[in-house]
Every structure is written in structure tokens, then in C-alpha cells.
Protein backbone atom coordinates (compact mmCIF):
# COMPACT_ATOMS: atom_id res chain seq x y z
CA MET A 1 -0.59 -7.45 19.37
CA PRO A 2 -0.37 -10.36 16.91
CA VAL A 3 -1.07 -9.60 13.30
CA GLU A 4 -3.97 -11.55 11.82
CA LEU A 5 -5.50 -11.84 8.38
CA LEU A 6 -8.48 -9.62 7.63
CA ASP A 7 -11.83 -11.39 7.61
CA ALA A 8 -14.44 -10.99 4.87
CA THR A 9 -16.23 -8.13 6.68
CA GLN A 10 -12.98 -6.22 7.17
CA LYS A 11 -12.05 -6.71 3.52
CA SER A 12 -15.40 -5.41 2.29
CA ALA A 13 -14.98 -2.30 4.48
CA LEU A 14 -11.73 -1.45 2.69
CA ALA A 15 -13.58 0.12 -0.24
CA THR A 16 -14.81 2.84 2.12
CA ARG A 17 -11.71 3.08 4.29
CA LEU A 18 -9.21 3.11 1.39
CA PRO A 19 -11.17 4.38 -1.65
CA HIS A 20 -8.10 4.74 -3.90
CA TRP A 21 -7.04 1.13 -3.36
CA SER A 22 -8.56 -2.05 -4.77
CA VAL A 23 -8.43 -5.57 -3.41
CA GLN A 24 -6.96 -7.93 -6.00
CA GLU A 25 -6.17 -11.54 -5.17
CA GLU A 26 -5.39 -11.06 -1.45
CA ARG A 27 -3.49 -7.82 -1.96
CA LEU A 28 -4.20 -4.11 -1.83
CA HIS A 29 -3.37 -2.41 -5.13
CA ARG A 30 -2.94 1.23 -6.12
CA ASP A 31 -1.63 2.91 -9.26
CA LEU A 32 -0.27 6.44 -9.03
CA GLN A 33 0.90 8.96 -11.60
CA PHE A 34 3.18 11.91 -10.87
CA ASN A 35 4.34 14.90 -12.93
CA SER A 36 7.84 13.50 -13.42
CA PHE A 37 10.21 10.65 -12.70
CA VAL A 38 11.81 12.71 -9.93
CA GLU A 39 8.45 13.14 -8.17
CA ALA A 40 7.67 9.44 -8.50
CA PHE A 41 11.09 8.44 -7.20
CA GLY A 42 10.87 10.93 -4.32
CA PHE A 43 7.53 9.45 -3.33
CA MET A 44 9.00 5.94 -3.47
CA ALA A 45 11.85 7.04 -1.19
CA GLN A 46 9.32 8.30 1.37
CA VAL A 47 7.38 5.02 1.19
CA ALA A 48 10.62 3.06 1.53
CA LEU A 49 11.38 4.82 4.82
CA LEU A 50 7.87 4.09 6.12
CA ALA A 51 8.05 0.47 5.05
CA GLU A 52 11.46 -0.07 6.58
CA SER A 53 10.35 1.43 9.90
CA LYS A 54 7.50 -1.12 9.98
CA ASN A 55 9.55 -3.98 8.53
CA HIS A 56 6.66 -4.39 6.09
CA HIS A 57 7.65 -3.87 2.48
CA PRO A 58 5.52 -3.34 -0.64
CA ASN A 59 5.73 -5.09 -3.96
CA TRP A 60 5.96 -2.21 -6.39
CA SER A 61 7.14 -1.02 -9.73
CA ASN A 62 8.05 2.29 -11.30
CA VAL A 63 8.02 3.31 -14.95
CA TYR A 64 8.93 6.95 -15.51
CA ASN A 65 6.19 8.90 -13.66
CA ARG A 66 4.02 5.92 -12.69
CA VAL A 67 4.19 3.84 -9.51
CA SER A 68 2.19 0.66 -8.88
CA ILE A 69 1.97 -0.66 -5.33
CA ASP A 70 0.77 -4.03 -4.04
CA LEU A 71 0.52 -4.73 -0.32
CA THR A 72 0.09 -8.16 1.22
CA THR A 73 1.41 -9.91 4.30
CA HIS A 74 3.50 -12.71 2.82
CA ASP A 75 4.07 -14.43 6.17
CA LEU A 76 0.30 -14.87 6.60
CA GLY A 77 -0.59 -15.43 2.96
CA GLY A 78 -3.03 -12.55 2.57
CA LEU A 79 -4.24 -9.15 3.72
CA SER A 80 -3.65 -8.06 7.30
CA SER A 81 -3.92 -4.97 9.44
CA LEU A 82 -0.28 -4.21 8.54
CA ASP A 83 -1.32 -3.73 4.90
CA VAL A 84 -4.17 -1.40 5.85
CA GLU A 85 -1.90 0.60 8.15
CA LEU A 86 0.79 1.00 5.49
CA ALA A 87 -1.77 1.92 2.79
CA THR A 88 -3.25 4.57 5.10
CA GLU A 89 0.20 6.04 5.76
CA ILE A 90 1.06 5.98 2.05
CA ASP A 91 -2.13 7.90 1.29
CA ALA A 92 -1.15 10.48 3.92
CA LEU A 93 2.04 11.23 1.94
CA LEU A 94 -0.02 12.35 -1.06
CA PRO A 95 -1.70 15.74 -1.50
CA ALA A 96 -5.39 15.75 -0.67
């Protein structure tokens, strides 16, 4: 199935579907804080494996126990179903 950009209706539904993420300038954004650098880095390693398996990689940063993630589909110039899928799987890695 070809990947397409999300339309305005799909973007507005993201607030309900992905409540911990915000839409900022054609990207999904989430900030996370862990108990330690080791926890943050372990989480990033898990996300890296997910991203590599999908060939869809986040823009992210890490400072000590904080991780910031931005998802966008560069090839299409905006948000796509790939971003939503990866965000959903990232959320599933975190405790409820």
C-alpha cells in the first residue's frame, strides 16, 4: 500500500489517537523523561530497532534522562501513516 500524507481530518484525529504527542509544523512531537540516562538510552535502543525494521527513522535528541522525538515522513514532506504507526509502537514500549 502506498504511503500518503495525512489529510486535515486525519491530523485533527491525532489528538485523540495519540494523546501524548503534539503536531508541530508537519511533525509528531513527544518529550519523555526517565529515571536515569541508562533508562533513556535503553528506550532509545528499543525505538532504534523498531525504526530500523520499518526503515522509518525519528529525529530525536537525548540529554541525560530526557528524550525528545520528532516523526515526519521526509520523502513526502509531512505527516503520514508511517509516523502514526511508529508513534503508536513507541507508546507501546512505555509503561501504561
